[in-house]
N, C-alpha and C. Protein backbone atom coordinates (compact mmCIF):
# COMPACT_ATOMS: atom_id res chain seq x y z
N MET A 1 -64.65 110.69 47.09
CA MET A 1 -64.98 111.18 46.00
C MET A 1 -65.70 110.85 44.80
N LYS A 2 -66.87 111.68 44.16
CA LYS A 2 -68.01 110.84 43.20
C LYS A 2 -67.30 110.51 41.83
N ARG A 3 -67.54 109.24 41.46
CA ARG A 3 -67.17 109.28 39.84
C ARG A 3 -67.92 109.55 38.88
N LYS A 4 -67.92 110.34 38.11
CA LYS A 4 -68.54 110.72 37.05
C LYS A 4 -69.14 109.56 36.28
N PRO A 5 -70.22 109.51 35.43
CA PRO A 5 -70.61 108.59 34.54
C PRO A 5 -70.36 108.63 33.36
N PRO A 6 -70.00 107.61 32.76
CA PRO A 6 -69.80 107.67 31.32
C PRO A 6 -70.46 108.80 30.62
N LYS A 7 -69.47 109.72 29.91
CA LYS A 7 -70.41 110.63 28.59
C LYS A 7 -70.56 109.19 27.57
N LEU A 8 -71.85 109.44 27.58
CA LEU A 8 -72.70 108.42 26.10
C LEU A 8 -72.46 108.69 24.82
N ARG A 9 -72.14 110.46 24.59
CA ARG A 9 -71.63 110.76 23.45
C ARG A 9 -70.46 109.91 22.86
N ASN A 10 -69.40 109.89 23.57
CA ASN A 10 -68.47 109.20 23.18
C ASN A 10 -68.43 107.64 22.97
N LEU A 11 -69.09 107.20 23.20
CA LEU A 11 -69.61 105.59 23.07
C LEU A 11 -70.34 105.27 21.74
N LYS A 12 -69.63 104.53 20.69
CA LYS A 12 -69.82 104.34 19.82
C LYS A 12 -71.27 103.39 19.25
N PRO A 13 -72.17 103.90 18.54
CA PRO A 13 -73.53 102.66 18.42
C PRO A 13 -73.07 101.74 18.28
N ARG A 14 -73.87 100.44 18.41
CA ARG A 14 -73.53 99.33 18.62
C ARG A 14 -74.42 98.79 17.19
N THR A 15 -75.16 99.79 16.30
CA THR A 15 -76.09 98.82 15.27
C THR A 15 -75.75 100.22 14.33
N PRO A 16 -76.30 99.54 13.16
CA PRO A 16 -76.81 100.59 12.13
C PRO A 16 -77.95 101.56 12.45
N ASP A 17 -78.99 101.46 13.01
CA ASP A 17 -79.82 102.06 13.30
C ASP A 17 -79.59 102.81 14.67
N ALA A 18 -78.65 102.74 15.49
CA ALA A 18 -78.73 103.38 16.54
C ALA A 18 -77.25 104.35 16.23
N ALA A 19 -76.59 104.04 14.85
CA ALA A 19 -75.35 105.49 14.54
C ALA A 19 -76.71 106.89 13.71
N VAL A 20 -77.59 105.82 13.05
CA VAL A 20 -78.31 106.78 12.47
C VAL A 20 -79.35 107.64 13.18
N VAL A 21 -79.86 107.39 14.50
CA VAL A 21 -80.27 108.03 15.48
C VAL A 21 -79.69 109.07 16.12
N ALA A 22 -78.12 108.71 16.38
CA ALA A 22 -77.22 109.13 17.15
C ALA A 22 -76.61 110.36 16.04
N LEU A 23 -76.84 110.33 14.32
CA LEU A 23 -76.70 111.31 13.49
C LEU A 23 -78.06 112.49 13.80
N ILE A 24 -78.89 111.69 13.84
CA ILE A 24 -80.21 112.27 13.74
C ILE A 24 -79.86 113.50 15.22
N LYS A 25 -79.86 113.07 16.20
CA LYS A 25 -79.35 113.81 17.54
C LYS A 25 -78.41 114.87 17.26
N LYS A 26 -77.54 114.41 16.64
CA LYS A 26 -76.28 115.36 16.60
C LYS A 26 -76.71 116.58 15.55
N MET A 27 -77.62 116.29 14.31
CA MET A 27 -78.01 117.33 13.66
C MET A 27 -79.01 118.25 14.41
N ARG A 28 -80.20 117.94 15.24
CA ARG A 28 -81.08 118.13 15.61
C ARG A 28 -81.28 117.55 17.02
N PRO A 29 -80.48 118.46 18.32
CA PRO A 29 -80.41 118.37 19.82
C PRO A 29 -82.01 118.22 20.32
N GLY A 30 -82.04 117.07 20.99
CA GLY A 30 -83.63 117.03 21.39
C GLY A 30 -84.61 117.07 20.65
N PHE A 31 -84.48 116.15 19.41
CA PHE A 31 -85.32 116.32 18.61
C PHE A 31 -86.44 114.66 19.36
N SER A 32 -87.65 114.86 18.86
CA SER A 32 -88.48 114.10 19.16
C SER A 32 -90.06 113.96 18.59
N LYS A 33 -89.68 114.80 17.51
CA LYS A 33 -91.16 114.98 16.93
C LYS A 33 -91.39 113.59 15.64
N SER A 34 -92.85 113.57 15.64
CA SER A 34 -92.95 112.21 14.75
C SER A 34 -92.49 112.75 13.34
N CYS A 35 -91.95 111.86 12.43
CA CYS A 35 -91.70 112.53 10.79
C CYS A 35 -91.81 111.10 10.18
N PRO A 36 -92.07 111.05 9.11
CA PRO A 36 -92.21 110.42 7.90
C PRO A 36 -91.09 109.25 7.98
N VAL A 37 -91.42 107.84 8.25
CA VAL A 37 -90.01 106.81 8.04
C VAL A 37 -90.29 106.16 7.01
N SER A 38 -89.32 105.26 6.14
CA SER A 38 -89.47 104.82 4.99
C SER A 38 -88.71 103.48 5.56
N PHE A 39 -89.28 102.36 4.80
CA PHE A 39 -88.37 101.45 4.79
C PHE A 39 -88.49 100.27 3.78
N TYR A 40 -87.39 100.27 3.50
CA TYR A 40 -87.04 99.52 1.60
C TYR A 40 -86.35 98.09 1.91
N PHE A 41 -87.30 97.39 0.90
CA PHE A 41 -87.53 96.04 0.68
C PHE A 41 -87.23 95.36 -0.55
N TYR A 42 -86.51 94.63 -0.94
CA TYR A 42 -86.06 94.61 -2.38
C TYR A 42 -86.42 92.69 -2.64
N PHE A 43 -87.61 92.40 -3.62
CA PHE A 43 -88.22 91.43 -3.94
C PHE A 43 -87.59 90.63 -5.16
N PRO A 44 -87.45 89.49 -5.23
CA PRO A 44 -87.11 89.23 -6.72
C PRO A 44 -88.34 89.05 -7.69
N ALA A 45 -89.30 89.05 -7.48
CA ALA A 45 -91.15 88.76 -7.98
C ALA A 45 -91.58 89.92 -7.12
N LYS A 46 -92.54 90.27 -8.07
CA LYS A 46 -93.80 91.03 -8.16
C LYS A 46 -94.93 90.74 -6.64
N ASP A 47 -94.90 88.83 -7.03
CA ASP A 47 -95.71 88.39 -6.60
C ASP A 47 -95.17 88.20 -4.49
N ALA A 48 -93.73 87.99 -4.74
CA ALA A 48 -93.19 88.11 -3.30
C ALA A 48 -93.53 89.24 -2.45
N ALA A 49 -93.36 90.52 -3.31
CA ALA A 49 -93.71 91.60 -2.63
C ALA A 49 -94.67 92.31 -2.33
N MET A 50 -96.01 91.64 -3.21
CA MET A 50 -97.46 91.96 -3.23
C MET A 50 -97.88 90.83 -1.56
N LYS A 51 -97.28 89.81 -1.45
CA LYS A 51 -97.50 89.41 -0.04
C LYS A 51 -96.93 89.82 0.86
N SER A 52 -95.92 90.50 0.76
CA SER A 52 -95.37 91.08 2.35
C SER A 52 -96.28 92.66 2.56
N THR A 53 -97.09 92.96 1.56
CA THR A 53 -98.10 93.85 1.98
C THR A 53 -98.93 94.15 3.07
N ASP A 54 -99.84 92.92 2.96
CA ASP A 54 -100.75 92.61 3.73
C ASP A 54 -100.09 92.82 5.22
N GLU A 55 -99.21 91.96 5.39
CA GLU A 55 -98.30 92.35 6.89
C GLU A 55 -98.16 93.66 7.84
N LEU A 56 -97.16 94.12 6.58
CA LEU A 56 -96.83 95.34 6.69
C LEU A 56 -98.28 96.21 7.10
N ARG A 57 -98.89 96.30 6.26
CA ARG A 57 -100.06 97.19 6.55
C ARG A 57 -101.04 96.87 7.56
N ASN A 58 -101.01 95.52 8.15
CA ASN A 58 -101.19 94.94 9.51
C ASN A 58 -100.69 95.62 10.78
N LYS A 59 -99.26 96.39 10.48
CA LYS A 59 -98.55 96.80 11.70
C LYS A 59 -98.43 98.31 11.15
N GLY A 60 -99.71 98.70 10.13
CA GLY A 60 -99.85 100.48 10.57
C GLY A 60 -98.84 101.02 9.35
N PHE A 61 -98.27 100.50 8.43
CA PHE A 61 -97.62 101.16 7.48
C PHE A 61 -98.20 101.28 6.28
N GLU A 62 -98.13 102.29 5.96
CA GLU A 62 -98.81 102.69 4.42
C GLU A 62 -97.29 101.83 3.37
N VAL A 63 -98.24 101.43 2.02
CA VAL A 63 -96.85 100.41 1.73
C VAL A 63 -97.07 100.66 -0.10
N GLU A 64 -96.02 100.64 -0.65
CA GLU A 64 -96.15 101.06 -2.28
C GLU A 64 -94.80 99.64 -2.74
N VAL A 65 -95.26 99.44 -4.08
CA VAL A 65 -94.95 98.17 -4.31
C VAL A 65 -94.73 99.08 -5.98
N ALA A 66 -93.20 98.74 -6.23
CA ALA A 66 -92.89 99.25 -7.74
C ALA A 66 -91.73 98.22 -8.39
N LEU A 67 -91.68 98.25 -9.59
CA LEU A 67 -90.23 97.82 -10.08
C LEU A 67 -89.15 98.52 -10.21
N SER A 68 -88.00 98.00 -9.16
CA SER A 68 -86.86 98.69 -8.69
C SER A 68 -86.07 99.48 -10.11
N ALA A 69 -85.58 100.76 -9.98
CA ALA A 69 -84.75 101.35 -11.29
C ALA A 69 -83.53 100.80 -10.98
N GLY A 70 -83.76 100.19 -12.52
CA GLY A 70 -82.11 99.54 -12.81
C GLY A 70 -81.71 98.26 -12.43
N SER A 71 -82.99 97.48 -12.26
CA SER A 71 -82.56 96.51 -11.54
C SER A 71 -84.33 95.50 -11.43
N PRO A 72 -84.12 94.17 -11.89
CA PRO A 72 -85.16 93.52 -12.21
C PRO A 72 -85.80 92.92 -10.69
N GLN A 73 -85.72 93.47 -9.72
CA GLN A 73 -86.15 93.28 -8.35
C GLN A 73 -87.64 94.24 -8.45
N TYR A 74 -88.13 93.82 -7.65
CA TYR A 74 -89.37 94.80 -6.94
C TYR A 74 -88.88 95.50 -5.58
N LEU A 75 -89.11 96.82 -5.64
CA LEU A 75 -89.05 97.84 -4.58
C LEU A 75 -90.70 97.96 -3.39
N CYS A 76 -90.56 97.29 -2.35
CA CYS A 76 -91.82 97.41 -1.38
C CYS A 76 -91.44 98.62 -0.34
N LEU A 77 -91.68 99.59 -0.33
CA LEU A 77 -91.31 100.41 0.48
C LEU A 77 -92.58 101.03 1.14
N ALA A 78 -92.51 100.88 2.62
CA ALA A 78 -93.48 100.80 3.92
C ALA A 78 -92.96 102.19 4.47
N SER A 79 -94.19 103.13 4.53
CA SER A 79 -93.80 104.39 5.37
C SER A 79 -94.97 104.51 6.50
N LYS A 80 -94.30 105.18 7.69
CA LYS A 80 -95.23 105.20 8.99
C LYS A 80 -94.38 106.38 9.48
N ASN A 81 -95.24 107.44 9.78
CA ASN A 81 -94.95 108.63 10.67
C ASN A 81 -94.56 107.93 12.22
N MET A 82 -93.62 108.68 12.64
CA MET A 82 -93.20 108.12 14.13
C MET A 82 -92.06 108.56 14.65
N VAL A 83 -91.43 108.54 15.62
CA VAL A 83 -90.46 108.90 16.19
C VAL A 83 -89.39 108.19 16.38
N PRO A 84 -88.32 108.56 15.47
CA PRO A 84 -87.09 107.91 15.34
C PRO A 84 -86.25 107.46 16.18
N GLU A 85 -86.30 106.08 17.25
CA GLU A 85 -86.01 106.39 18.25
C GLU A 85 -85.29 104.56 18.09
N THR A 86 -83.78 104.50 18.94
CA THR A 86 -83.13 103.32 18.77
C THR A 86 -83.72 102.19 18.84
N THR A 87 -84.33 102.06 20.01
CA THR A 87 -84.89 100.76 20.75
C THR A 87 -86.09 100.01 19.84
N GLU A 88 -87.01 101.07 19.41
CA GLU A 88 -88.51 100.65 18.38
C GLU A 88 -87.44 100.10 16.94
N LEU A 89 -86.19 101.33 16.36
CA LEU A 89 -85.87 101.03 15.05
C LEU A 89 -85.00 99.54 15.07
N VAL A 90 -84.13 99.33 16.47
CA VAL A 90 -83.73 97.71 16.54
C VAL A 90 -84.77 96.94 16.36
N ASN A 91 -86.01 96.78 17.15
CA ASN A 91 -86.98 95.84 17.11
C ASN A 91 -87.43 95.73 15.76
N LEU A 92 -87.49 96.83 15.35
CA LEU A 92 -88.05 96.74 13.72
C LEU A 92 -87.25 96.22 12.56
N ARG A 93 -86.68 96.41 12.84
CA ARG A 93 -85.37 95.80 12.05
C ARG A 93 -85.32 94.04 11.97
N GLU A 94 -85.63 93.58 13.12
CA GLU A 94 -85.53 92.16 13.39
C GLU A 94 -86.89 91.85 12.67
N SER A 95 -87.79 92.51 12.78
CA SER A 95 -89.26 92.34 12.35
C SER A 95 -88.88 92.52 10.76
N MET A 96 -88.39 92.98 10.04
CA MET A 96 -87.91 93.71 8.99
C MET A 96 -87.33 92.51 8.21
N VAL A 97 -86.39 91.89 8.67
CA VAL A 97 -85.41 90.94 8.35
C VAL A 97 -86.27 89.33 8.07
N ASP A 98 -86.49 89.55 9.16
CA ASP A 98 -87.65 87.96 9.29
C ASP A 98 -88.83 88.17 8.38
N LEU A 99 -89.71 89.07 7.75
CA LEU A 99 -90.52 89.05 7.01
C LEU A 99 -89.65 89.19 5.73
N ALA A 100 -89.20 89.91 5.07
CA ALA A 100 -88.03 89.81 3.79
C ALA A 100 -87.25 88.57 3.67
N PHE A 101 -86.85 87.68 5.11
CA PHE A 101 -86.83 86.44 4.50
C PHE A 101 -87.57 85.05 3.94
N LYS A 102 -89.01 85.59 5.06
CA LYS A 102 -90.02 84.67 4.62
C LYS A 102 -90.46 84.47 3.12
N TYR A 103 -90.20 85.99 2.14
CA TYR A 103 -91.04 85.73 1.15
C TYR A 103 -89.62 85.91 0.32
N GLY A 104 -88.25 85.79 0.47
CA GLY A 104 -87.26 85.60 -0.42
C GLY A 104 -86.58 86.91 -1.00
N GLY A 105 -87.04 87.85 0.22
CA GLY A 105 -86.49 89.43 -0.15
C GLY A 105 -85.34 89.49 0.38
N ASN A 106 -84.97 90.89 0.55
CA ASN A 106 -84.12 91.58 1.13
C ASN A 106 -84.44 93.05 2.00
N TYR A 107 -84.38 93.07 3.26
CA TYR A 107 -84.50 94.52 4.17
C TYR A 107 -83.30 94.97 3.86
N ASP A 108 -83.32 96.60 3.26
CA ASP A 108 -82.54 97.65 2.85
C ASP A 108 -82.17 98.36 3.84
N GLY A 109 -83.04 98.66 4.81
CA GLY A 109 -82.86 99.70 5.68
C GLY A 109 -83.78 100.78 5.83
N TRP A 110 -84.07 101.74 6.52
CA TRP A 110 -84.90 102.83 6.66
C TRP A 110 -84.06 104.25 6.32
N GLU A 111 -85.12 105.27 6.20
CA GLU A 111 -84.70 106.86 5.75
C GLU A 111 -85.66 107.58 6.95
N ALA A 112 -85.30 108.80 7.68
CA ALA A 112 -86.33 109.46 8.05
C ALA A 112 -86.16 110.90 7.38
N ALA A 113 -87.29 111.66 7.17
CA ALA A 113 -87.25 112.84 6.17
C ALA A 113 -87.74 113.79 7.84
N ILE A 114 -86.34 114.39 8.02
CA ILE A 114 -86.69 115.41 9.23
C ILE A 114 -86.36 116.52 8.77
N ASP A 115 -87.16 118.17 9.25
CA ASP A 115 -86.89 118.94 9.38
C ASP A 115 -85.86 119.41 10.21
N TYR A 116 -84.91 119.61 9.60
CA TYR A 116 -83.33 120.43 10.44
C TYR A 116 -83.19 121.58 10.33
N ASP A 117 -83.74 122.37 9.96
CA ASP A 117 -83.30 124.08 10.17
C ASP A 117 -84.18 125.15 9.92
N GLU A 118 -84.15 126.02 10.24
CA GLU A 118 -85.21 127.42 10.53
C GLU A 118 -85.92 127.36 8.83
N ASP A 119 -85.35 126.88 8.21
CA ASP A 119 -85.89 127.24 6.61
C ASP A 119 -86.63 126.18 6.27
N ASN A 120 -87.67 125.28 7.04
CA ASN A 120 -88.14 124.20 6.79
C ASN A 120 -87.95 123.27 6.11
N ARG A 121 -86.50 123.56 5.49
CA ARG A 121 -85.81 122.63 4.34
C ARG A 121 -85.95 121.04 4.82
N GLU A 122 -86.40 119.68 4.29
CA GLU A 122 -86.32 118.68 4.47
C GLU A 122 -84.74 117.94 4.66
N ASN A 123 -84.39 117.30 5.40
CA ASN A 123 -83.40 116.21 5.02
C ASN A 123 -83.64 114.94 5.24
N GLU A 124 -83.02 114.09 4.50
CA GLU A 124 -83.42 112.34 4.59
C GLU A 124 -81.95 112.03 5.08
N ILE A 125 -82.11 111.38 5.98
CA ILE A 125 -81.14 110.81 6.50
C ILE A 125 -81.10 109.29 6.59
């Protein structure tokens, strides 16, 4: 008697990135299109935020720095068109956390703008 492989959809994601990608796949089965993905960093000083921009641009990101709303910190927003895939996002998280730490800031995660229905409305996850 052949054993059936476990149903992966019943396994809980082990990382925050895997959880978000699982949600995207649940909302859009078969989703594999490139879409805008934004990565959020917060730094205590503008100088620190600006130092991180060169490294992010060298990795192909478009980068904006602005004073964070309601906070004395500076937001560094790095964006890139890519397919949100677990492996790449987990690897990116590691380098993003290291970059934020290097300049005394925090990495706060990412979001993806996906077209999720026939009306071409965008939904950010």
